PDB file of N, CA and C in Angstrom:
ATOM      1  N   MET A   1     144.823 108.003 104.905  1.00  0.00           N
ATOM      2  CA  MET A   1     143.600 107.718 104.247  1.00  0.00           C
ATOM      3  C   MET A   1     143.618 108.258 102.769  1.00  0.00           C
ATOM      4  N   ALA A   2     144.452 109.184 102.466  1.00  0.00           N
ATOM      5  CA  ALA A   2     144.511 109.699 101.106  1.00  0.00           C
ATOM      6  C   ALA A   2     145.378 108.874 100.184  1.00  0.00           C
ATOM      7  N   THR A   3     145.800 107.664 100.619  1.00  0.00           N
ATOM      8  CA  THR A   3     146.554 106.811  99.728  1.00  0.00           C
ATOM      9  C   THR A   3     145.614 105.981  98.852  1.00  0.00           C
ATOM     10  N   ASP A   4     146.104 104.960  98.235  1.00  0.00           N
ATOM     11  CA  ASP A   4     145.301 104.133  97.330  1.00  0.00           C
ATOM     12  C   ASP A   4     143.982 103.665  97.977  1.00  0.00           C
ATOM     13  N   ALA A   5     144.099 103.160  99.250  1.00  0.00           N
ATOM     14  CA  ALA A   5     142.895 102.627  99.863  1.00  0.00           C
ATOM     15  C   ALA A   5     141.840 103.702 100.100  1.00  0.00           C
ATOM     16  N   GLY A   6     142.261 104.890 100.488  1.00  0.00           N
ATOM     17  CA  GLY A   6     141.330 105.948 100.696  1.00  0.00           C
ATOM     18  C   GLY A   6     140.688 106.476  99.424  1.00  0.00           C
ATOM     19  N   LEU A   7     141.509 106.547  98.396  1.00  0.00           N
ATOM     20  CA  LEU A   7     140.983 107.026  97.094  1.00  0.00           C
ATOM     21  C   LEU A   7     140.031 105.992  96.498  1.00  0.00           C
ATOM     22  N   THR A   8     140.380 104.730  96.632  1.00  0.00           N
ATOM     23  CA  THR A   8     139.544 103.619  96.127  1.00  0.00           C
ATOM     24  C   THR A   8     138.165 103.690  96.848  1.00  0.00           C
ATOM     25  N   SER A   9     138.197 103.779  98.140  1.00  0.00           N
ATOM     26  CA  SER A   9     136.953 103.816  98.919  1.00  0.00           C
ATOM     27  C   SER A   9     136.163 105.094  98.597  1.00  0.00           C
ATOM     28  N   TYR A  10     136.815 106.205  98.478  1.00  0.00           N
ATOM     29  CA  TYR A  10     136.118 107.482  98.165  1.00  0.00           C
ATOM     30  C   TYR A  10     135.498 107.343  96.740  1.00  0.00           C
ATOM     31  N   HIS A  11     136.265 106.826  95.798  1.00  0.00           N
ATOM     32  CA  HIS A  11     135.687 106.758  94.433  1.00  0.00           C
ATOM     33  C   HIS A  11     134.414 105.935  94.416  1.00  0.00           C
ATOM     34  N   ALA A  12     134.414 104.760  95.084  1.00  0.00           N
ATOM     35  CA  ALA A  12     133.247 103.922  95.097  1.00  0.00           C
ATOM     36  C   ALA A  12     132.050 104.569  95.796  1.00  0.00           C
ATOM     37  N   MET A  13     132.353 105.274  96.884  1.00  0.00           N
ATOM     38  CA  MET A  13     131.302 105.842  97.735  1.00  0.00           C
ATOM     39  C   MET A  13     130.753 107.172  97.196  1.00  0.00           C
ATOM     40  N   VAL A  14     131.658 108.039  96.764  1.00  0.00           N
ATOM     41  CA  VAL A  14     131.243 109.392  96.412  1.00  0.00           C
ATOM     42  C   VAL A  14     131.256 109.650  94.877  1.00  0.00           C
ATOM     43  N   ALA A  15     132.386 109.412  94.259  1.00  0.00           N
ATOM     44  CA  ALA A  15     132.488 109.726  92.842  1.00  0.00           C
ATOM     45  C   ALA A  15     131.576 108.842  92.002  1.00  0.00           C
ATOM     46  N   ARG A  16     131.517 107.580  92.368  1.00  0.00           N
ATOM     47  CA  ARG A  16     130.661 106.603  91.617  1.00  0.00           C
ATOM     48  C   ARG A  16     129.276 106.517  92.216  1.00  0.00           C
ATOM     49  N   GLY A  17     129.227 106.464  93.578  1.00  0.00           N
ATOM     50  CA  GLY A  17     127.969 106.234  94.238  1.00  0.00           C
ATOM     51  C   GLY A  17     127.129 107.504  94.553  1.00  0.00           C
ATOM     52  N   GLY A  18     127.791 108.646  94.641  1.00  0.00           N
ATOM     53  CA  GLY A  18     127.083 109.914  94.879  1.00  0.00           C
ATOM     54  C   GLY A  18     126.634 110.104  96.302  1.00  0.00           C
ATOM     55  N   ALA A  19     127.302 109.480  97.309  1.00  0.00           N
ATOM     56  CA  ALA A  19     126.906 109.624  98.710  1.00  0.00           C
ATOM     57  C   ALA A  19     126.920 111.078  99.115  1.00  0.00           C
ATOM     58  N   LYS A  20     125.876 111.450  99.833  1.00  0.00           N
ATOM     59  CA  LYS A  20     125.724 112.863 100.277  1.00  0.00           C
ATOM     60  C   LYS A  20     124.813 112.897 101.503  1.00  0.00           C
ATOM     61  N   LYS A  21     124.756 114.106 102.092  1.00  0.00           N
ATOM     62  CA  LYS A  21     123.930 114.327 103.271  1.00  0.00           C
ATOM     63  C   LYS A  21     122.557 113.884 103.093  1.00  0.00           C
ATOM     64  N   GLY A  22     122.022 113.166 104.053  1.00  0.00           N
ATOM     65  CA  GLY A  22     120.626 112.686 104.074  1.00  0.00           C
ATOM     66  C   GLY A  22     120.398 111.412 103.279  1.00  0.00           C
ATOM     67  N   MET A  23     121.355 110.904 102.567  1.00  0.00           N
ATOM     68  CA  MET A  23     121.191 109.689 101.804  1.00  0.00           C
ATOM     69  C   MET A  23     121.243 108.492 102.712  1.00  0.00           C
ATOM     70  N   ARG A  24     120.474 107.441 102.417  1.00  0.00           N
ATOM     71  CA  ARG A  24     120.539 106.189 103.138  1.00  0.00           C
ATOM     72  C   ARG A  24     121.480 105.216 102.349  1.00  0.00           C
ATOM     73  N   VAL A  25     122.572 104.896 103.002  1.00  0.00           N
ATOM     74  CA  VAL A  25     123.641 104.132 102.297  1.00  0.00           C
ATOM     75  C   VAL A  25     123.847 102.778 102.975  1.00  0.00           C
ATOM     76  N   GLY A  26     123.962 101.733 102.159  1.00  0.00           N
ATOM     77  CA  GLY A  26     124.274 100.372 102.648  1.00  0.00           C
ATOM     78  C   GLY A  26     125.733 100.083 102.277  1.00  0.00           C
ATOM     79  N   ILE A  27     126.452  99.419 103.155  1.00  0.00           N
ATOM     80  CA  ILE A  27     127.836  98.995 102.922  1.00  0.00           C
ATOM     81  C   ILE A  27     127.932  97.492 103.220  1.00  0.00           C
ATOM     82  N   ILE A  28     128.517  96.811 102.270  1.00  0.00           N
ATOM     83  CA  ILE A  28     128.774  95.350 102.485  1.00  0.00           C
ATOM     84  C   ILE A  28     130.230  95.199 102.698  1.00  0.00           C
ATOM     85  N   GLY A  29     130.629  94.769 103.871  1.00  0.00           N
ATOM     86  CA  GLY A  29     132.000  94.501 104.187  1.00  0.00           C
ATOM     87  C   GLY A  29     132.706  95.702 104.900  1.00  0.00           C
ATOM     88  N   LEU A  30     133.111  95.497 106.154  1.00  0.00           N
ATOM     89  CA  LEU A  30     133.760  96.548 106.890  1.00  0.00           C
ATOM     90  C   LEU A  30     135.265  96.258 107.158  1.00  0.00           C
ATOM     91  N   GLY A  31     135.883  95.696 106.127  1.00  0.00           N
ATOM     92  CA  GLY A  31     137.330  95.518 106.155  1.00  0.00           C
ATOM     93  C   GLY A  31     138.002  96.885 106.016  1.00  0.00           C
ATOM     94  N   GLY A  32     139.192  96.961 105.587  1.00  0.00           N
ATOM     95  CA  GLY A  32     139.904  98.217 105.417  1.00  0.00           C
ATOM     96  C   GLY A  32     139.212  99.193 104.545  1.00  0.00           C
ATOM     97  N   LEU A  33     138.874  98.789 103.313  1.00  0.00           N
ATOM     98  CA  LEU A  33     138.194  99.680 102.356  1.00  0.00           C
ATOM     99  C   LEU A  33     136.789 100.022 102.795  1.00  0.00           C
ATOM    100  N   GLY A  34     136.064  99.032 103.287  1.00  0.00           N
ATOM    101  CA  GLY A  34     134.669  99.271 103.731  1.00  0.00           C
ATOM    102  C   GLY A  34     134.622 100.213 104.926  1.00  0.00           C
ATOM    103  N   TYR A  35     135.574 100.026 105.837  1.00  0.00           N
ATOM    104  CA  TYR A  35     135.651 100.939 107.016  1.00  0.00           C
ATOM    105  C   TYR A  35     135.859 102.385 106.576  1.00  0.00           C
ATOM    106  N   ILE A  36     136.827 102.555 105.664  1.00  0.00           N
ATOM    107  CA  ILE A  36     137.056 103.957 105.150  1.00  0.00           C
ATOM    108  C   ILE A  36     135.850 104.484 104.394  1.00  0.00           C
ATOM    109  N   GLY A  37     135.219 103.615 103.564  1.00  0.00           N
ATOM    110  CA  GLY A  37     134.041 104.060 102.874  1.00  0.00           C
ATOM    111  C   GLY A  37     132.911 104.445 103.784  1.00  0.00           C
ATOM    112  N   ALA A  38     132.731 103.665 104.892  1.00  0.00           N
ATOM    113  CA  ALA A  38     131.689 103.974 105.873  1.00  0.00           C
ATOM    114  C   ALA A  38     131.979 105.312 106.532  1.00  0.00           C
ATOM    115  N   ARG A  39     133.174 105.539 106.917  1.00  0.00           N
ATOM    116  CA  ARG A  39     133.565 106.838 107.546  1.00  0.00           C
ATOM    117  C   ARG A  39     133.332 107.992 106.614  1.00  0.00           C
ATOM    118  N   ILE A  40     133.684 107.815 105.349  1.00  0.00           N
ATOM    119  CA  ILE A  40     133.445 108.888 104.337  1.00  0.00           C
ATOM    120  C   ILE A  40     131.939 109.196 104.264  1.00  0.00           C
ATOM    121  N   ALA A  41     131.103 108.158 104.174  1.00  0.00           N
ATOM    122  CA  ALA A  41     129.667 108.358 104.110  1.00  0.00           C
ATOM    123  C   ALA A  41     129.090 109.086 105.318  1.00  0.00           C
ATOM    124  N   VAL A  42     129.621 108.669 106.477  1.00  0.00           N
ATOM    125  CA  VAL A  42     129.239 109.325 107.741  1.00  0.00           C
ATOM    126  C   VAL A  42     129.619 110.796 107.722  1.00  0.00           C
ATOM    127  N   PHE A  43     130.862 111.040 107.333  1.00  0.00           N
ATOM    128  CA  PHE A  43     131.327 112.450 107.255  1.00  0.00           C
ATOM    129  C   PHE A  43     130.529 113.264 106.265  1.00  0.00           C
ATOM    130  N   LYS A  44     130.014 112.631 105.214  1.00  0.00           N
ATOM    131  CA  LYS A  44     129.194 113.349 104.211  1.00  0.00           C
ATOM    132  C   LYS A  44     127.790 113.618 104.770  1.00  0.00           C
ATOM    133  N   GLY A  45     127.445 112.978 105.878  1.00  0.00           N
ATOM    134  CA  GLY A  45     126.132 113.205 106.469  1.00  0.00           C
ATOM    135  C   GLY A  45     125.060 112.116 106.071  1.00  0.00           C
ATOM    136  N   ALA A  46     125.554 111.039 105.517  1.00  0.00           N
ATOM    137  CA  ALA A  46     124.592 109.941 105.143  1.00  0.00           C
ATOM    138  C   ALA A  46     124.230 109.128 106.393  1.00  0.00           C
ATOM    139  N   GLU A  47     123.107 108.427 106.253  1.00  0.00           N
ATOM    140  CA  GLU A  47     122.617 107.479 107.255  1.00  0.00           C
ATOM    141  C   GLU A  47     123.150 106.123 106.758  1.00  0.00           C
ATOM    142  N   VAL A  48     124.097 105.550 107.506  1.00  0.00           N
ATOM    143  CA  VAL A  48     124.837 104.408 107.017  1.00  0.00           C
ATOM    144  C   VAL A  48     124.505 103.094 107.720  1.00  0.00           C
ATOM    145  N   TYR A  49     124.177 102.073 106.959  1.00  0.00           N
ATOM    146  CA  TYR A  49     123.898 100.731 107.399  1.00  0.00           C
ATOM    147  C   TYR A  49     124.910  99.771 106.791  1.00  0.00           C
ATOM    148  N   ALA A  50     125.462  98.922 107.622  1.00  0.00           N
ATOM    149  CA  ALA A  50     126.536  98.041 107.112  1.00  0.00           C
ATOM    150  C   ALA A  50     126.256  96.553 107.399  1.00  0.00           C
ATOM    151  N   ALA A  51     126.740  95.712 106.498  1.00  0.00           N
ATOM    152  CA  ALA A  51     126.707  94.293 106.710  1.00  0.00           C
ATOM    153  C   ALA A  51     128.104  93.784 106.895  1.00  0.00           C
ATOM    154  N   GLU A  52     128.313  93.010 107.943  1.00  0.00           N
ATOM    155  CA  GLU A  52     129.698  92.527 108.208  1.00  0.00           C
ATOM    156  C   GLU A  52     129.534  91.153 108.942  1.00  0.00           C
ATOM    157  N   LEU A  53     130.290  90.173 108.486  1.00  0.00           N
ATOM    158  CA  LEU A  53     130.193  88.844 109.112  1.00  0.00           C
ATOM    159  C   LEU A  53     130.901  88.764 110.441  1.00  0.00           C
ATOM    160  N   ASN A  54     131.957  89.517 110.623  1.00  0.00           N
ATOM    161  CA  ASN A  54     132.801  89.398 111.825  1.00  0.00           C
ATOM    162  C   ASN A  54     132.087  90.101 112.995  1.00  0.00           C
ATOM    163  N   PRO A  55     131.773  89.336 114.056  1.00  0.00           N
ATOM    164  CA  PRO A  55     131.021  89.919 115.198  1.00  0.00           C
ATOM    165  C   PRO A  55     131.852  90.987 115.947  1.00  0.00           C
ATOM    166  N   GLU A  56     133.146  90.813 116.026  1.00  0.00           N
ATOM    167  CA  GLU A  56     133.983  91.855 116.662  1.00  0.00           C
ATOM    168  C   GLU A  56     133.920  93.174 115.932  1.00  0.00           C
ATOM    169  N   THR A  57     133.910  93.107 114.628  1.00  0.00           N
ATOM    170  CA  THR A  57     133.819  94.322 113.832  1.00  0.00           C
ATOM    171  C   THR A  57     132.435  94.942 113.941  1.00  0.00           C
ATOM    172  N   ARG A  58     131.416  94.127 113.949  1.00  0.00           N
ATOM    173  CA  ARG A  58     130.037  94.647 114.143  1.00  0.00           C
ATOM    174  C   ARG A  58     129.896  95.314 115.485  1.00  0.00           C
ATOM    175  N   ALA A  59     130.542  94.839 116.497  1.00  0.00           N
ATOM    176  CA  ALA A  59     130.480  95.385 117.880  1.00  0.00           C
ATOM    177  C   ALA A  59     131.039  96.836 117.880  1.00  0.00           C
ATOM    178  N   ARG A  60     131.934  97.190 116.977  1.00  0.00           N
ATOM    179  CA  ARG A  60     132.523  98.518 116.945  1.00  0.00           C
ATOM    180  C   ARG A  60     131.831  99.476 116.009  1.00  0.00           C
ATOM    181  N   ALA A  61     130.684  99.120 115.481  1.00  0.00           N
ATOM    182  CA  ALA A  61     130.005  99.894 114.484  1.00  0.00           C
ATOM    183  C   ALA A  61     129.597 101.280 115.027  1.00  0.00           C
ATOM    184  N   ALA A  62     129.161 101.377 116.265  1.00  0.00           N
ATOM    185  CA  ALA A  62     128.743 102.694 116.838  1.00  0.00           C
ATOM    186  C   ALA A  62     129.909 103.630 116.882  1.00  0.00           C
ATOM    187  N   GLU A  63     131.137 103.054 117.066  1.00  0.00           N
ATOM    188  CA  GLU A  63     132.324 103.948 117.196  1.00  0.00           C
ATOM    189  C   GLU A  63     132.597 104.733 115.898  1.00  0.00           C
ATOM    190  N   ILE A  64     132.165 104.199 114.769  1.00  0.00           N
ATOM    191  CA  ILE A  64     132.398 104.907 113.532  1.00  0.00           C
ATOM    192  C   ILE A  64     131.155 105.645 113.006  1.00  0.00           C
ATOM    193  N   GLY A  65     130.118 105.640 113.776  1.00  0.00           N
ATOM    194  CA  GLY A  65     128.938 106.405 113.447  1.00  0.00           C
ATOM    195  C   GLY A  65     127.897 105.732 112.573  1.00  0.00           C
ATOM    196  N   LEU A  66     127.958 104.420 112.525  1.00  0.00           N
ATOM    197  CA  LEU A  66     126.912 103.695 111.692  1.00  0.00           C
ATOM    198  C   LEU A  66     125.562 103.768 112.382  1.00  0.00           C
ATOM    199  N   THR A  67     124.537 103.843 111.538  1.00  0.00           N
ATOM    200  CA  THR A  67     123.167 103.851 112.056  1.00  0.00           C
ATOM    201  C   THR A  67     122.756 102.458 112.442  1.00  0.00           C
ATOM    202  N   GLY A  68     123.206 101.436 111.700  1.00  0.00           N
ATOM    203  CA  GLY A  68     122.890 100.079 111.957  1.00  0.00           C
ATOM    204  C   GLY A  68     123.931  99.144 111.368  1.00  0.00           C
ATOM    205  N   VAL A  69     124.039  97.957 111.928  1.00  0.00           N
ATOM    206  CA  VAL A  69     124.979  96.931 111.441  1.00  0.00           C
ATOM    207  C   VAL A  69     124.334  95.570 111.635  1.00  0.00           C
ATOM    208  N   ALA A  70     124.530  94.668 110.720  1.00  0.00           N
ATOM    209  CA  ALA A  70     123.996  93.310 110.775  1.00  0.00           C
ATOM    210  C   ALA A  70     124.883  92.361 110.010  1.00  0.00           C
ATOM    211  N   GLU A  71     124.588  91.092 110.078  1.00  0.00           N
ATOM    212  CA  GLU A  71     125.365  90.096 109.340  1.00  0.00           C
ATOM    213  C   GLU A  71     125.128  90.203 107.810  1.00  0.00           C
ATOM    214  N   SER A  72     123.923  90.624 107.391  1.00  0.00           N
ATOM    215  CA  SER A  72     123.586  90.664 105.987  1.00  0.00           C
ATOM    216  C   SER A  72     122.866  91.988 105.696  1.00  0.00           C
ATOM    217  N   ILE A  73     123.153  92.537 104.535  1.00  0.00           N
ATOM    218  CA  ILE A  73     122.476  93.748 104.098  1.00  0.00           C
ATOM    219  C   ILE A  73     120.983  93.552 103.919  1.00  0.00           C
ATOM    220  N   THR A  74     120.574  92.305 103.741  1.00  0.00           N
ATOM    221  CA  THR A  74     119.158  92.048 103.557  1.00  0.00           C
ATOM    222  C   THR A  74     118.318  92.340 104.802  1.00  0.00           C
ATOM    223  N   GLU A  75     119.012  92.491 105.919  1.00  0.00           N
ATOM    224  CA  GLU A  75     118.332  92.823 107.193  1.00  0.00           C
ATOM    225  C   GLU A  75     117.880  94.287 107.182  1.00  0.00           C
ATOM    226  N   PHE A  76     118.265  95.065 106.171  1.00  0.00           N
ATOM    227  CA  PHE A  76     117.873  96.473 106.096  1.00  0.00           C
ATOM    228  C   PHE A  76     116.914  96.704 104.933  1.00  0.00           C
ATOM    229  N   ALA A  77     116.096  95.696 104.659  1.00  0.00           N
ATOM    230  CA  ALA A  77     115.197  95.783 103.576  1.00  0.00           C
ATOM    231  C   ALA A  77     114.174  96.892 103.706  1.00  0.00           C
ATOM    232  N   ASP A  78     113.881  97.245 104.950  1.00  0.00           N
ATOM    233  CA  ASP A  78     112.906  98.242 105.225  1.00  0.00           C
ATOM    234  C   ASP A  78     113.490  99.705 105.225  1.00  0.00           C
ATOM    235  N   LYS A  79     114.735  99.858 104.984  1.00  0.00           N
ATOM    236  CA  LYS A  79     115.389 101.132 105.076  1.00  0.00           C
ATOM    237  C   LYS A  79     115.418 101.942 103.770  1.00  0.00           C
ATOM    238  N   ASP A  80     114.936 101.344 102.674  1.00  0.00           N
ATOM    239  CA  ASP A  80     114.849 102.030 101.362  1.00  0.00           C
ATOM    240  C   ASP A  80     116.223 102.637 101.009  1.00  0.00           C
ATOM    241  N   LEU A  81     117.220 101.758 101.002  1.00  0.00           N
ATOM    242  CA  LEU A  81     118.584 102.246 100.701  1.00  0.00           C
ATOM    243  C   LEU A  81     118.715 102.851  99.319  1.00  0.00           C
ATOM    244  N   GLN A  82     119.341 103.963  99.239  1.00  0.00           N
ATOM    245  CA  GLN A  82     119.513 104.649  97.973  1.00  0.00           C
ATOM    246  C   GLN A  82     120.825 104.270  97.295  1.00  0.00           C
ATOM    247  N   LEU A  83     121.746 103.781  98.061  1.00  0.00           N
ATOM    248  CA  LEU A  83     123.070 103.389  97.530  1.00  0.00           C
ATOM    249  C   LEU A  83     123.578 102.176  98.322  1.00  0.00           C
ATOM    250  N   ILE A  84     124.045 101.183  97.667  1.00  0.00           N
ATOM    251  CA  ILE A  84     124.767 100.068  98.283  1.00  0.00           C
ATOM    252  C   ILE A  84     126.129  99.919  97.680  1.00  0.00           C
ATOM    253  N   VAL A  85     127.128  99.944  98.522  1.00  0.00           N
ATOM    254  CA  VAL A  85     128.504  99.795  98.016  1.00  0.00           C
ATOM    255  C   VAL A  85     129.023  98.488  98.598  1.00  0.00           C
ATOM    256  N   ASP A  86     129.441  97.562  97.702  1.00  0.00           N
ATOM    257  CA  ASP A  86     129.920  96.272  98.114  1.00  0.00           C
ATOM    258  C   ASP A  86     131.469  96.328  98.128  1.00  0.00           C
ATOM    259  N   TYR A  87     132.052  96.346  99.295  1.00  0.00           N
ATOM    260  CA  TYR A  87     133.487  96.444  99.445  1.00  0.00           C
ATOM    261  C   TYR A  87     134.159  95.079  99.610  1.00  0.00           C
ATOM    262  N   ARG A  88     133.364  94.014  99.567  1.00  0.00           N
ATOM    263  CA  ARG A  88     133.941  92.653  99.685  1.00  0.00           C
ATOM    264  C   ARG A  88     134.656  92.372  98.355  1.00  0.00           C
ATOM    265  N   ILE A  89     135.773  91.738  98.414  1.00  0.00           N
ATOM    266  CA  ILE A  89     136.493  91.303  97.210  1.00  0.00           C
ATOM    267  C   ILE A  89     136.226  89.801  97.031  1.00  0.00           C
ATOM    268  N   THR A  90     135.184  89.470  96.313  1.00  0.00           N
ATOM    269  CA  THR A  90     134.789  88.119  96.095  1.00  0.00           C
ATOM    270  C   THR A  90     134.483  87.846  94.648  1.00  0.00           C
ATOM    271  N   PRO A  91     134.627  86.626  94.209  1.00  0.00           N
ATOM    272  CA  PRO A  91     134.340  86.335  92.789  1.00  0.00           C
ATOM    273  C   PRO A  91     132.848  86.190  92.465  1.00  0.00           C
ATOM    274  N   GLU A  92     131.959  86.353  93.370  1.00  0.00           N
ATOM    275  CA  GLU A  92     130.553  86.174  93.068  1.00  0.00           C
ATOM    276  C   GLU A  92     130.149  87.241  92.061  1.00  0.00           C
ATOM    277  N   GLY A  93     129.066  86.960  91.360  1.00  0.00           N
ATOM    278  CA  GLY A  93     128.592  87.891  90.343  1.00  0.00           C
ATOM    279  C   GLY A  93     127.787  89.031  90.858  1.00  0.00           C
ATOM    280  N   ILE A  94     126.478  88.867  91.003  1.00  0.00           N
ATOM    281  CA  ILE A  94     125.587  89.923  91.413  1.00  0.00           C
ATOM    282  C   ILE A  94     125.801  90.250  92.837  1.00  0.00           C
ATOM    283  N   PRO A  95     125.937  91.546  93.184  1.00  0.00           N
ATOM    284  CA  PRO A  95     126.173  91.929  94.566  1.00  0.00           C
ATOM    285  C   PRO A  95     124.971  91.507  95.464  1.00  0.00           C
ATOM    286  N   GLU A  96     125.289  91.060  96.683  1.00  0.00           N
ATOM    287  CA  GLU A  96     124.273  90.726  97.617  1.00  0.00           C
ATOM    288  C   GLU A  96     123.431  92.025  97.934  1.00  0.00           C
ATOM    289  N   GLY A  97     122.176  91.856  98.122  1.00  0.00           N
ATOM    290  CA  GLY A  97     121.342  92.952  98.470  1.00  0.00           C
ATOM    291  C   GLY A  97     120.843  93.801  97.323  1.00  0.00           C
ATOM    292  N   LEU A  98     121.219  93.444  96.091  1.00  0.00           N
ATOM    293  CA  LEU A  98     120.754  94.219  94.946  1.00  0.00           C
ATOM    294  C   LEU A  98     119.202  94.357  94.976  1.00  0.00           C
ATOM    295  N   ASP A  99     118.550  93.275  95.385  1.00  0.00           N
ATOM    296  CA  ASP A  99     117.093  93.356  95.481  1.00  0.00           C
ATOM    297  C   ASP A  99     116.580  94.200  96.652  1.00  0.00           C
ATOM    298  N   ARG A 100     117.511  94.677  97.521  1.00  0.00           N
ATOM    299  CA  ARG A 100     117.085  95.550  98.624  1.00  0.00           C
ATOM    300  C   ARG A 100     117.283  96.995  98.310  1.00  0.00           C
ATOM    301  N   LEU A 101     117.874  97.283  97.164  1.00  0.00           N
ATOM    302  CA  LEU A 101     118.076  98.629  96.719  1.00  0.00           C
ATOM    303  C   LEU A 101     116.760  99.273  96.258  1.00  0.00           C
ATOM    304  N   ARG A 102     116.566 100.511  96.636  1.00  0.00           N
ATOM    305  CA  ARG A 102     115.308 101.187  96.235  1.00  0.00           C
ATOM    306  C   ARG A 102     115.242 101.367  94.761  1.00  0.00           C
ATOM    307  N   LYS A 103     114.091 101.486  94.185  1.00  0.00           N
ATOM    308  CA  LYS A 103     113.890 101.691  92.754  1.00  0.00           C
ATOM    309  C   LYS A 103     114.628 102.996  92.383  1.00  0.00           C
ATOM    310  N   GLY A 104     115.469 102.900  91.351  1.00  0.00           N
ATOM    311  CA  GLY A 104     116.208 104.045  90.925  1.00  0.00           C
ATOM    312  C   GLY A 104     117.481 104.313  91.732  1.00  0.00           C
ATOM    313  N   GLY A 105     117.800 103.408  92.695  1.00  0.00           N
ATOM    314  CA  GLY A 105     118.967 103.523  93.494  1.00  0.00           C
ATOM    315  C   GLY A 105     120.256 103.176  92.748  1.00  0.00           C
ATOM    316  N   VAL A 106     121.371 103.247  93.400  1.00  0.00           N
ATOM    317  CA  VAL A 106     122.696 103.019  92.779  1.00  0.00           C
ATOM    318  C   VAL A 106     123.412 101.950  93.542  1.00  0.00           C
ATOM    319  N   THR A 107     124.133 101.105  92.805  1.00  0.00           N
ATOM    320  CA  THR A 107     125.001 100.159  93.476  1.00  0.00           C
ATOM    321  C   THR A 107     126.426 100.389  92.898  1.00  0.00           C
ATOM    322  N   SER A 108     127.447 100.205  93.756  1.00  0.00           N
ATOM    323  CA  SER A 108     128.807 100.395  93.350  1.00  0.00           C
ATOM    324  C   SER A 108     129.529  99.172  93.923  1.00  0.00           C
ATOM    325  N   ARG A 109     130.391  98.590  93.079  1.00  0.00           N
ATOM    326  CA  ARG A 109     131.108  97.379  93.508  1.00  0.00           C
ATOM    327  C   ARG A 109     132.546  97.493  93.088  1.00  0.00           C
ATOM    328  N   LEU A 110     133.437  97.111  94.016  1.00  0.00           N
ATOM    329  CA  LEU A 110     134.839  97.044  93.686  1.00  0.00           C
ATOM    330  C   LEU A 110     135.134  95.769  92.890  1.00  0.00           C
ATOM    331  N   ILE A 111     135.917  95.875  91.896  1.00  0.00           N
ATOM    332  CA  ILE A 111     136.187  94.736  91.016  1.00  0.00           C
ATOM    333  C   ILE A 111     137.695  94.306  91.233  1.00  0.00           C
ATOM    334  N   ALA A 112     137.918  93.040  91.357  1.00  0.00           N
ATOM    335  CA  ALA A 112     139.288  92.525  91.520  1.00  0.00           C
ATOM    336  C   ALA A 112     139.519  91.457  90.482  1.00  0.00           C
ATOM    337  N   LEU A 113     140.711  91.307  90.077  1.00  0.00           N
ATOM    338  CA  LEU A 113     141.068  90.194  89.135  1.00  0.00           C
ATOM    339  C   LEU A 113     141.442  88.983  90.001  1.00  0.00           C
ATOM    340  N   TYR A 114     141.038  87.847  89.570  1.00  0.00           N
ATOM    341  CA  TYR A 114     141.363  86.600  90.284  1.00  0.00           C
ATOM    342  C   TYR A 114     142.181  85.678  89.399  1.00  0.00           C
ATOM    343  N   GLU A 115     143.142  85.076  90.014  1.00  0.00           N
ATOM    344  CA  GLU A 115     143.965  84.098  89.293  1.00  0.00           C
ATOM    345  C   GLU A 115     143.867  82.737  89.997  1.00  0.00           C
ATOM    346  N   ASP A 116     143.929  81.713  89.198  1.00  0.00           N
ATOM    347  CA  ASP A 116     143.887  80.374  89.803  1.00  0.00           C
ATOM    348  C   ASP A 116     145.215  80.007  90.351  1.00  0.00           C
TER     349      ASP A 116
END
């Protein structure tokens, strides 16, 4: 976990996002980086909600200590999320769920370069 993937996930979740005990955190994407980011947030003592399209991955959410999991982060609109980290690597612009972030909250997004 201390390799590039672990450090990338940690940076987005903690160094950039400020995840800490008692914080309500949203995660978009539970692939390799998102899974590590979710575990880091749980270990930090955060209340973690995740959005994941894959139903098999969603079924394992309790195993990693998530408070809730759904297909879309918008399903947690009532949770007053303080931080949303988007671990999906997609070319879309504005992160999904930005309108679900509490006022004054933080969003962190991994950026990838795309080639045609």
